Amino acid sequence: MGILRNFREVVGSLKHKRASPKLCPRCGSPKIGLSTRFDMWLFPEQYICEQCGYKGPVTLELEQQEQVSESSET
């Protein structure tokens, strides 16, 4: 049961993150989406940029930095 308890602690400590915005790796545009509705379900992910026409499996994601309140720093 020790392994199960450790597993619960690890899973409980993980933060649930919102989906981060995806950007085109070629032009940096946020106007990028999956090529078909079957991507990520039936086929591997393929993204298409509406601005520059990039097509591929790679996108950039922006990470949101956590804001630390001034009261917790003191």
PDB file of N, CA and C in Angstrom:
ATOM      1  N   MET A   1       0.815  -1.202   0.000  1.00  0.00           N
ATOM      2  CA  MET A   1       0.000   0.000   0.000  1.00  0.00           C
ATOM      3  C   MET A   1       0.855   1.261   0.000  1.00  0.00           C
ATOM      4  N   GLY A   2       2.131   1.121   0.344  1.00  0.00           N
ATOM      5  CA  GLY A   2       3.013   2.279   0.357  1.00  0.00           C
ATOM      6  C   GLY A   2       3.171   2.899  -1.011  1.00  0.00           C
ATOM      7  N   ILE A   3       3.236   2.052  -2.034  1.00  0.00           N
ATOM      8  CA  ILE A   3       3.378   2.547  -3.400  1.00  0.00           C
ATOM      9  C   ILE A   3       2.133   3.321  -3.806  1.00  0.00           C
ATOM     10  N   LEU A   4       0.962   2.817  -3.451  1.00  0.00           N
ATOM     11  CA  LEU A   4      -0.288   3.489  -3.789  1.00  0.00           C
ATOM     12  C   LEU A   4      -0.380   4.839  -3.086  1.00  0.00           C
ATOM     13  N   ARG A   5       0.043   4.900  -1.853  1.00  0.00           N
ATOM     14  CA  ARG A   5       0.001   6.149  -1.097  1.00  0.00           C
ATOM     15  C   ARG A   5       0.938   7.177  -1.741  1.00  0.00           C
ATOM     16  N   ASN A   6       2.135   6.733  -2.135  1.00  0.00           N
ATOM     17  CA  ASN A   6       3.071   7.638  -2.795  1.00  0.00           C
ATOM     18  C   ASN A   6       2.510   8.124  -4.132  1.00  0.00           C
ATOM     19  N   PHE A   7       1.854   7.234  -4.849  1.00  0.00           N
ATOM     20  CA  PHE A   7       1.243   7.611  -6.122  1.00  0.00           C
ATOM     21  C   PHE A   7       0.174   8.677  -5.908  1.00  0.00           C
ATOM     22  N   ARG A   8      -0.638   8.514  -4.889  1.00  0.00           N
ATOM     23  CA  ARG A   8      -1.683   9.502  -4.585  1.00  0.00           C
ATOM     24  C   ARG A   8      -1.071  10.856  -4.254  1.00  0.00           C
ATOM     25  N   GLU A   9       0.024  10.865  -3.511  1.00  0.00           N
ATOM     26  CA  GLU A   9       0.679  12.122  -3.159  1.00  0.00           C
ATOM     27  C   GLU A   9       1.214  12.826  -4.398  1.00  0.00           C
ATOM     28  N   VAL A  10       1.815  12.070  -5.294  1.00  0.00           N
ATOM     29  CA  VAL A  10       2.358  12.660  -6.516  1.00  0.00           C
ATOM     30  C   VAL A  10       1.239  13.217  -7.376  1.00  0.00           C
ATOM     31  N   VAL A  11       0.195  12.452  -7.579  1.00  0.00           N
ATOM     32  CA  VAL A  11      -0.928  12.906  -8.403  1.00  0.00           C
ATOM     33  C   VAL A  11      -1.609  14.108  -7.757  1.00  0.00           C
ATOM     34  N   GLY A  12      -1.748  14.086  -6.453  1.00  0.00           N
ATOM     35  CA  GLY A  12      -2.374  15.207  -5.756  1.00  0.00           C
ATOM     36  C   GLY A  12      -1.558  16.481  -5.818  1.00  0.00           C
ATOM     37  N   SER A  13      -0.252  16.365  -5.945  1.00  0.00           N
ATOM     38  CA  SER A  13       0.606  17.549  -5.979  1.00  0.00           C
ATOM     39  C   SER A  13       0.689  18.180  -7.369  1.00  0.00           C
ATOM     40  N   LEU A  14       0.260  17.459  -8.394  1.00  0.00           N
ATOM     41  CA  LEU A  14       0.292  18.013  -9.745  1.00  0.00           C
ATOM     42  C   LEU A  14      -0.721  19.132  -9.880  1.00  0.00           C
ATOM     43  N   LYS A  15      -0.340  20.172 -10.567  1.00  0.00           N
ATOM     44  CA  LYS A  15      -1.260  21.281 -10.784  1.00  0.00           C
ATOM     45  C   LYS A  15      -2.002  21.055 -12.090  1.00  0.00           C
ATOM     46  N   HIS A  16      -3.265  21.364 -12.075  1.00  0.00           N
ATOM     47  CA  HIS A  16      -4.056  21.274 -13.298  1.00  0.00           C
ATOM     48  C   HIS A  16      -3.874  22.585 -14.040  1.00  0.00           C
ATOM     49  N   LYS A  17      -3.303  22.506 -15.222  1.00  0.00           N
ATOM     50  CA  LYS A  17      -3.025  23.702 -15.996  1.00  0.00           C
ATOM     51  C   LYS A  17      -4.074  23.874 -17.084  1.00  0.00           C
ATOM     52  N   ARG A  18      -4.355  25.111 -17.367  1.00  0.00           N
ATOM     53  CA  ARG A  18      -5.222  25.404 -18.500  1.00  0.00           C
ATOM     54  C   ARG A  18      -4.423  25.193 -19.779  1.00  0.00           C
ATOM     55  N   ALA A  19      -5.129  25.004 -20.853  1.00  0.00           N
ATOM     56  CA  ALA A  19      -4.452  24.850 -22.141  1.00  0.00           C
ATOM     57  C   ALA A  19      -3.737  26.152 -22.471  1.00  0.00           C
ATOM     58  N   SER A  20      -2.475  26.049 -22.808  1.00  0.00           N
ATOM     59  CA  SER A  20      -1.710  27.241 -23.140  1.00  0.00           C
ATOM     60  C   SER A  20      -1.923  27.593 -24.609  1.00  0.00           C
ATOM     61  N   PRO A  21      -1.830  28.886 -24.936  1.00  0.00           N
ATOM     62  CA  PRO A  21      -2.027  29.291 -26.335  1.00  0.00           C
ATOM     63  C   PRO A  21      -0.952  28.697 -27.233  1.00  0.00           C
ATOM     64  N   LYS A  22      -1.360  28.236 -28.392  1.00  0.00           N
ATOM     65  CA  LYS A  22      -0.430  27.665 -29.361  1.00  0.00           C
ATOM     66  C   LYS A  22      -0.113  28.710 -30.424  1.00  0.00           C
ATOM     67  N   LEU A  23       1.164  28.729 -30.839  1.00  0.00           N
ATOM     68  CA  LEU A  23       1.627  29.681 -31.846  1.00  0.00           C
ATOM     69  C   LEU A  23       2.312  28.934 -32.983  1.00  0.00           C
ATOM     70  N   CYS A  24       2.269  29.529 -34.164  1.00  0.00           N
ATOM     71  CA  CYS A  24       2.937  28.962 -35.328  1.00  0.00           C
ATOM     72  C   CYS A  24       4.451  29.066 -35.131  1.00  0.00           C
ATOM     73  N   PRO A  25       5.198  27.974 -35.355  1.00  0.00           N
ATOM     74  CA  PRO A  25       6.655  28.039 -35.194  1.00  0.00           C
ATOM     75  C   PRO A  25       7.349  28.832 -36.304  1.00  0.00           C
ATOM     76  N   ARG A  26       6.686  29.052 -37.418  1.00  0.00           N
ATOM     77  CA  ARG A  26       7.297  29.775 -38.533  1.00  0.00           C
ATOM     78  C   ARG A  26       7.094  31.282 -38.399  1.00  0.00           C
ATOM     79  N   CYS A  27       5.842  31.723 -38.149  1.00  0.00           N
ATOM     80  CA  CYS A  27       5.568  33.165 -38.143  1.00  0.00           C
ATOM     81  C   CYS A  27       5.148  33.700 -36.774  1.00  0.00           C
ATOM     82  N   GLY A  28       4.853  32.820 -35.807  1.00  0.00           N
ATOM     83  CA  GLY A  28       4.468  33.259 -34.469  1.00  0.00           C
ATOM     84  C   GLY A  28       3.009  33.646 -34.331  1.00  0.00           C
ATOM     85  N   SER A  29       2.215  33.380 -35.333  1.00  0.00           N
ATOM     86  CA  SER A  29       0.796  33.740 -35.314  1.00  0.00           C
ATOM     87  C   SER A  29      -0.001  32.804 -34.404  1.00  0.00           C
ATOM     88  N   PRO A  30      -0.975  33.352 -33.671  1.00  0.00           N
ATOM     89  CA  PRO A  30      -1.850  32.499 -32.868  1.00  0.00           C
ATOM     90  C   PRO A  30      -2.967  31.859 -33.697  1.00  0.00           C
ATOM     91  N   LYS A  31      -3.042  32.181 -34.981  1.00  0.00           N
ATOM     92  CA  LYS A  31      -4.082  31.632 -35.855  1.00  0.00           C
ATOM     93  C   LYS A  31      -3.644  30.284 -36.398  1.00  0.00           C
ATOM     94  N   ILE A  32      -3.524  29.304 -35.505  1.00  0.00           N
ATOM     95  CA  ILE A  32      -3.096  27.962 -35.889  1.00  0.00           C
ATOM     96  C   ILE A  32      -4.082  26.974 -35.289  1.00  0.00           C
ATOM     97  N   GLY A  33      -4.443  25.963 -36.052  1.00  0.00           N
ATOM     98  CA  GLY A  33      -5.411  24.982 -35.577  1.00  0.00           C
ATOM     99  C   GLY A  33      -5.142  23.614 -36.179  1.00  0.00           C
ATOM    100  N   LEU A  34      -5.869  22.640 -35.684  1.00  0.00           N
ATOM    101  CA  LEU A  34      -5.724  21.281 -36.189  1.00  0.00           C
ATOM    102  C   LEU A  34      -6.218  21.210 -37.633  1.00  0.00           C
ATOM    103  N   SER A  35      -5.573  20.374 -38.436  1.00  0.00           N
ATOM    104  CA  SER A  35      -5.924  20.311 -39.848  1.00  0.00           C
ATOM    105  C   SER A  35      -7.269  19.635 -40.090  1.00  0.00           C
ATOM    106  N   THR A  36      -7.615  18.633 -39.287  1.00  0.00           N
ATOM    107  CA  THR A  36      -8.924  17.989 -39.417  1.00  0.00           C
ATOM    108  C   THR A  36      -9.502  17.740 -38.030  1.00  0.00           C
ATOM    109  N   ARG A  37     -10.754  17.443 -37.977  1.00  0.00           N
ATOM    110  CA  ARG A  37     -11.375  17.175 -36.684  1.00  0.00           C
ATOM    111  C   ARG A  37     -10.985  15.805 -36.129  1.00  0.00           C
ATOM    112  N   PHE A  38     -10.342  14.983 -36.955  1.00  0.00           N
ATOM    113  CA  PHE A  38      -9.924  13.660 -36.511  1.00  0.00           C
ATOM    114  C   PHE A  38      -8.528  13.659 -35.892  1.00  0.00           C
ATOM    115  N   ASP A  39      -7.824  14.800 -35.988  1.00  0.00           N
ATOM    116  CA  ASP A  39      -6.490  14.878 -35.384  1.00  0.00           C
ATOM    117  C   ASP A  39      -6.608  14.706 -33.874  1.00  0.00           C
ATOM    118  N   MET A  40      -5.612  14.081 -33.301  1.00  0.00           N
ATOM    119  CA  MET A  40      -5.506  13.763 -31.877  1.00  0.00           C
ATOM    120  C   MET A  40      -6.455  12.621 -31.480  1.00  0.00           C
ATOM    121  N   TRP A  41      -7.265  12.164 -32.371  1.00  0.00           N
ATOM    122  CA  TRP A  41      -8.163  11.056 -32.037  1.00  0.00           C
ATOM    123  C   TRP A  41      -7.852   9.862 -32.919  1.00  0.00           C
ATOM    124  N   LEU A  42      -7.910  10.072 -34.223  1.00  0.00           N
ATOM    125  CA  LEU A  42      -7.699   8.995 -35.173  1.00  0.00           C
ATOM    126  C   LEU A  42      -6.335   9.092 -35.860  1.00  0.00           C
ATOM    127  N   PHE A  43      -5.878  10.314 -36.071  1.00  0.00           N
ATOM    128  CA  PHE A  43      -4.606  10.567 -36.753  1.00  0.00           C
ATOM    129  C   PHE A  43      -3.677  11.348 -35.828  1.00  0.00           C
ATOM    130  N   PRO A  44      -2.377  11.345 -36.116  1.00  0.00           N
ATOM    131  CA  PRO A  44      -1.460  12.206 -35.347  1.00  0.00           C
ATOM    132  C   PRO A  44      -1.793  13.678 -35.576  1.00  0.00           C
ATOM    133  N   GLU A  45      -1.422  14.516 -34.623  1.00  0.00           N
ATOM    134  CA  GLU A  45      -1.704  15.947 -34.732  1.00  0.00           C
ATOM    135  C   GLU A  45      -0.995  16.552 -35.928  1.00  0.00           C
ATOM    136  N   GLN A  46      -1.714  17.329 -36.710  1.00  0.00           N
ATOM    137  CA  GLN A  46      -1.154  18.131 -37.798  1.00  0.00           C
ATOM    138  C   GLN A  46      -1.808  19.501 -37.682  1.00  0.00           C
ATOM    139  N   TYR A  47      -0.986  20.520 -37.521  1.00  0.00           N
ATOM    140  CA  TYR A  47      -1.498  21.879 -37.387  1.00  0.00           C
ATOM    141  C   TYR A  47      -1.319  22.639 -38.683  1.00  0.00           C
ATOM    142  N   ILE A  48      -2.231  23.582 -38.942  1.00  0.00           N
ATOM    143  CA  ILE A  48      -2.156  24.449 -40.111  1.00  0.00           C
ATOM    144  C   ILE A  48      -2.279  25.889 -39.638  1.00  0.00           C
ATOM    145  N   CYS A  49      -1.352  26.745 -40.097  1.00  0.00           N
ATOM    146  CA  CYS A  49      -1.381  28.165 -39.769  1.00  0.00           C
ATOM    147  C   CYS A  49      -2.176  28.894 -40.851  1.00  0.00           C
ATOM    148  N   GLU A  50      -3.152  29.691 -40.435  1.00  0.00           N
ATOM    149  CA  GLU A  50      -3.964  30.436 -41.391  1.00  0.00           C
ATOM    150  C   GLU A  50      -3.201  31.594 -42.009  1.00  0.00           C
ATOM    151  N   GLN A  51      -2.176  32.072 -41.303  1.00  0.00           N
ATOM    152  CA  GLN A  51      -1.459  33.252 -41.781  1.00  0.00           C
ATOM    153  C   GLN A  51      -0.365  32.919 -42.788  1.00  0.00           C
ATOM    154  N   CYS A  52       0.497  31.948 -42.479  1.00  0.00           N
ATOM    155  CA  CYS A  52       1.631  31.678 -43.379  1.00  0.00           C
ATOM    156  C   CYS A  52       1.521  30.349 -44.123  1.00  0.00           C
ATOM    157  N   GLY A  53       0.549  29.509 -43.769  1.00  0.00           N
ATOM    158  CA  GLY A  53       0.368  28.246 -44.465  1.00  0.00           C
ATOM    159  C   GLY A  53       1.189  27.089 -43.926  1.00  0.00           C
ATOM    160  N   TYR A  54       1.882  27.296 -42.795  1.00  0.00           N
ATOM    161  CA  TYR A  54       2.663  26.210 -42.196  1.00  0.00           C
ATOM    162  C   TYR A  54       1.772  25.009 -41.941  1.00  0.00           C
ATOM    163  N   LYS A  55       2.286  23.811 -42.208  1.00  0.00           N
ATOM    164  CA  LYS A  55       1.581  22.581 -41.900  1.00  0.00           C
ATOM    165  C   LYS A  55       2.583  21.618 -41.288  1.00  0.00           C
ATOM    166  N   GLY A  56       2.301  21.154 -40.083  1.00  0.00           N
ATOM    167  CA  GLY A  56       3.210  20.230 -39.427  1.00  0.00           C
ATOM    168  C   GLY A  56       2.752  19.887 -38.020  1.00  0.00           C
ATOM    169  N   PRO A  57       3.477  18.991 -37.366  1.00  0.00           N
ATOM    170  CA  PRO A  57       3.077  18.517 -36.041  1.00  0.00           C
ATOM    171  C   PRO A  57       3.589  19.377 -34.881  1.00  0.00           C
ATOM    172  N   VAL A  58       4.410  20.383 -35.161  1.00  0.00           N
ATOM    173  CA  VAL A  58       5.052  21.165 -34.104  1.00  0.00           C
ATOM    174  C   VAL A  58       4.393  22.527 -33.955  1.00  0.00           C
ATOM    175  N   THR A  59       4.124  22.938 -32.716  1.00  0.00           N
ATOM    176  CA  THR A  59       3.651  24.285 -32.418  1.00  0.00           C
ATOM    177  C   THR A  59       4.440  24.813 -31.227  1.00  0.00           C
ATOM    178  N   LEU A  60       4.392  26.101 -31.039  1.00  0.00           N
ATOM    179  CA  LEU A  60       4.977  26.728 -29.862  1.00  0.00           C
ATOM    180  C   LEU A  60       3.861  26.958 -28.856  1.00  0.00           C
ATOM    181  N   GLU A  61       4.179  26.837 -27.574  1.00  0.00           N
ATOM    182  CA  GLU A  61       3.191  27.094 -26.529  1.00  0.00           C
ATOM    183  C   GLU A  61       3.748  28.127 -25.571  1.00  0.00           C
ATOM    184  N   LEU A  62       2.913  29.100 -25.217  1.00  0.00           N
ATOM    185  CA  LEU A  62       3.305  30.101 -24.239  1.00  0.00           C
ATOM    186  C   LEU A  62       3.018  29.567 -22.849  1.00  0.00           C
ATOM    187  N   GLU A  63       3.981  29.727 -21.961  1.00  0.00           N
ATOM    188  CA  GLU A  63       3.761  29.319 -20.579  1.00  0.00           C
ATOM    189  C   GLU A  63       3.351  30.536 -19.774  1.00  0.00           C
ATOM    190  N   GLN A  64       2.306  30.387 -18.995  1.00  0.00           N
ATOM    191  CA  GLN A  64       1.836  31.446 -18.126  1.00  0.00           C
ATOM    192  C   GLN A  64       2.659  31.413 -16.846  1.00  0.00           C
ATOM    193  N   GLN A  65       3.290  32.522 -16.499  1.00  0.00           N
ATOM    194  CA  GLN A  65       4.044  32.573 -15.258  1.00  0.00           C
ATOM    195  C   GLN A  65       3.077  32.873 -14.124  1.00  0.00           C
ATOM    196  N   GLU A  66       3.292  32.168 -13.012  1.00  0.00           N
ATOM    197  CA  GLU A  66       2.434  32.378 -11.865  1.00  0.00           C
ATOM    198  C   GLU A  66       2.746  33.726 -11.239  1.00  0.00           C
ATOM    199  N   GLN A  67       1.691  34.459 -10.897  1.00  0.00           N
ATOM    200  CA  GLN A  67       1.875  35.740 -10.246  1.00  0.00           C
ATOM    201  C   GLN A  67       1.981  35.512  -8.756  1.00  0.00           C
ATOM    202  N   VAL A  68       3.020  36.069  -8.155  1.00  0.00           N
ATOM    203  CA  VAL A  68       3.231  35.944  -6.726  1.00  0.00           C
ATOM    204  C   VAL A  68       2.813  37.248  -6.093  1.00  0.00           C
ATOM    205  N   SER A  69       1.929  37.171  -5.116  1.00  0.00           N
ATOM    206  CA  SER A  69       1.469  38.392  -4.461  1.00  0.00           C
ATOM    207  C   SER A  69       2.583  38.964  -3.594  1.00  0.00           C
ATOM    208  N   GLU A  70       2.598  40.280  -3.451  1.00  0.00           N
ATOM    209  CA  GLU A  70       3.639  40.937  -2.680  1.00  0.00           C
ATOM    210  C   GLU A  70       3.577  40.540  -1.205  1.00  0.00           C
ATOM    211  N   SER A  71       2.389  40.235  -0.711  1.00  0.00           N
ATOM    212  CA  SER A  71       2.257  39.889   0.701  1.00  0.00           C
ATOM    213  C   SER A  71       2.921  38.557   1.031  1.00  0.00           C
ATOM    214  N   SER A  72       2.997  37.631   0.084  1.00  0.00           N
ATOM    215  CA  SER A  72       3.611  36.351   0.348  1.00  0.00           C
ATOM    216  C   SER A  72       5.137  36.415   0.272  1.00  0.00           C
ATOM    217  N   GLU A  73       5.679  37.483  -0.379  1.00  0.00           N
ATOM    218  CA  GLU A  73       7.120  37.631  -0.479  1.00  0.00           C
ATOM    219  C   GLU A  73       7.743  38.171   0.802  1.00  0.00           C
ATOM    220  N   THR A  74       6.984  38.894   1.582  1.00  0.00           N
ATOM    221  CA  THR A  74       7.540  39.509   2.797  1.00  0.00           C
ATOM    222  C   THR A  74       7.457  38.610   3.984  1.00  0.00           C
TER     223      THR A  74
END
